[in-house]
Amino acid sequence: MKSAGHPDYHFITVTMTDGSTFRTRSTYGKDGAELHLDIDSKSHPAWTGGTQTLMDRGGRVSRFKDKYGSFLKK
């Protein structure tokens, strides 16, 4: 197998939403890079069983509701 055709596989540090960290191997970034997660298994409702709350970043949710809100009304 040719080694030139494959990405570099190295250790990175992953930071969860609660601040805990772990080391894993990945092709992300360079050796020793840090990956900060916005959503993970400790905060996402699919894993926690909680209800989902929409975070309006940059007005995206409000623009969507303004554009398509009339379809939801009966």
Protein backbone atom coordinates (compact mmCIF):
# COMPACT_ATOMS: atom_id res chain seq x y z
CA MET A 1 0.00 0.00 0.00
CA LYS A 2 1.38 3.43 -0.93
CA SER A 3 1.85 5.75 2.02
CA ALA A 4 1.70 8.97 -0.03
CA GLY A 5 -2.03 8.63 -0.76
CA HIS A 6 -3.22 8.51 2.83
CA PRO A 7 -3.85 11.42 5.24
CA ASP A 8 -1.73 11.92 8.34
CA TYR A 9 -3.26 10.06 11.31
CA HIS A 10 -2.15 11.62 14.61
CA PHE A 11 -3.23 12.41 18.19
CA ILE A 12 -5.59 15.34 18.95
CA THR A 13 -7.35 16.54 22.11
CA VAL A 14 -11.16 16.71 22.04
CA THR A 15 -12.89 19.11 24.46
CA MET A 16 -16.52 18.25 25.30
CA THR A 17 -19.21 20.85 26.06
CA ASP A 18 -18.80 20.36 29.82
CA GLY A 19 -15.05 21.04 29.62
CA SER A 20 -13.84 17.45 29.95
CA THR A 21 -11.16 16.37 27.49
CA PHE A 22 -9.83 13.17 25.97
CA ARG A 23 -7.14 12.25 23.48
CA THR A 24 -7.87 10.33 20.33
CA ARG A 25 -6.37 9.73 16.92
CA SER A 26 -7.75 11.62 13.94
CA THR A 27 -6.95 13.16 10.58
CA TYR A 28 -8.26 16.54 11.88
CA GLY A 29 -5.69 19.37 12.00
CA LYS A 30 -2.09 18.71 12.90
CA ASP A 31 -0.50 16.64 15.67
CA GLY A 32 -1.57 18.03 19.06
CA ALA A 33 -4.52 20.05 17.68
CA GLU A 34 -7.57 20.75 19.87
CA LEU A 35 -11.14 20.12 18.72
CA HIS A 36 -13.86 21.93 20.72
CA LEU A 37 -17.32 20.39 20.33
CA ASP A 38 -20.50 22.50 20.27
CA ILE A 39 -22.78 19.45 20.54
CA ASP A 40 -21.92 16.10 22.07
CA SER A 41 -23.57 13.12 23.77
CA LYS A 42 -23.68 14.97 27.12
CA SER A 43 -25.69 17.92 25.77
CA HIS A 44 -27.69 16.73 22.74
CA PRO A 45 -31.33 15.78 23.40
CA ALA A 46 -31.05 12.62 21.29
CA TRP A 47 -28.77 11.15 23.97
CA THR A 48 -29.98 12.98 27.09
CA GLY A 49 -33.71 12.45 26.50
CA GLY A 50 -34.40 16.14 27.06
CA THR A 51 -36.27 18.56 24.90
CA GLN A 52 -34.44 20.40 22.16
CA THR A 53 -34.02 24.15 22.36
CA LEU A 54 -33.20 26.13 19.25
CA MET A 55 -30.26 28.48 19.54
CA ASP A 56 -30.72 31.50 17.30
CA ARG A 57 -27.24 32.16 15.96
CA GLY A 58 -27.15 35.08 13.60
CA GLY A 59 -30.95 35.28 13.35
CA ARG A 60 -31.25 32.07 11.34
CA VAL A 61 -34.14 30.66 13.36
CA SER A 62 -36.11 33.91 13.31
CA ARG A 63 -35.53 34.32 9.54
CA PHE A 64 -36.77 30.75 8.98
CA LYS A 65 -39.87 31.37 11.12
CA ASP A 66 -40.57 34.63 9.27
CA LYS A 67 -40.26 32.92 5.89
CA TYR A 68 -42.05 29.61 6.61
CA GLY A 69 -44.09 30.37 9.74
CA SER A 70 -47.33 30.68 7.81
CA PHE A 71 -47.15 26.99 6.84
CA LEU A 72 -47.24 25.97 10.50
CA LYS A 73 -50.38 28.00 11.34
CA LYS A 74 -53.72 26.34 10.81
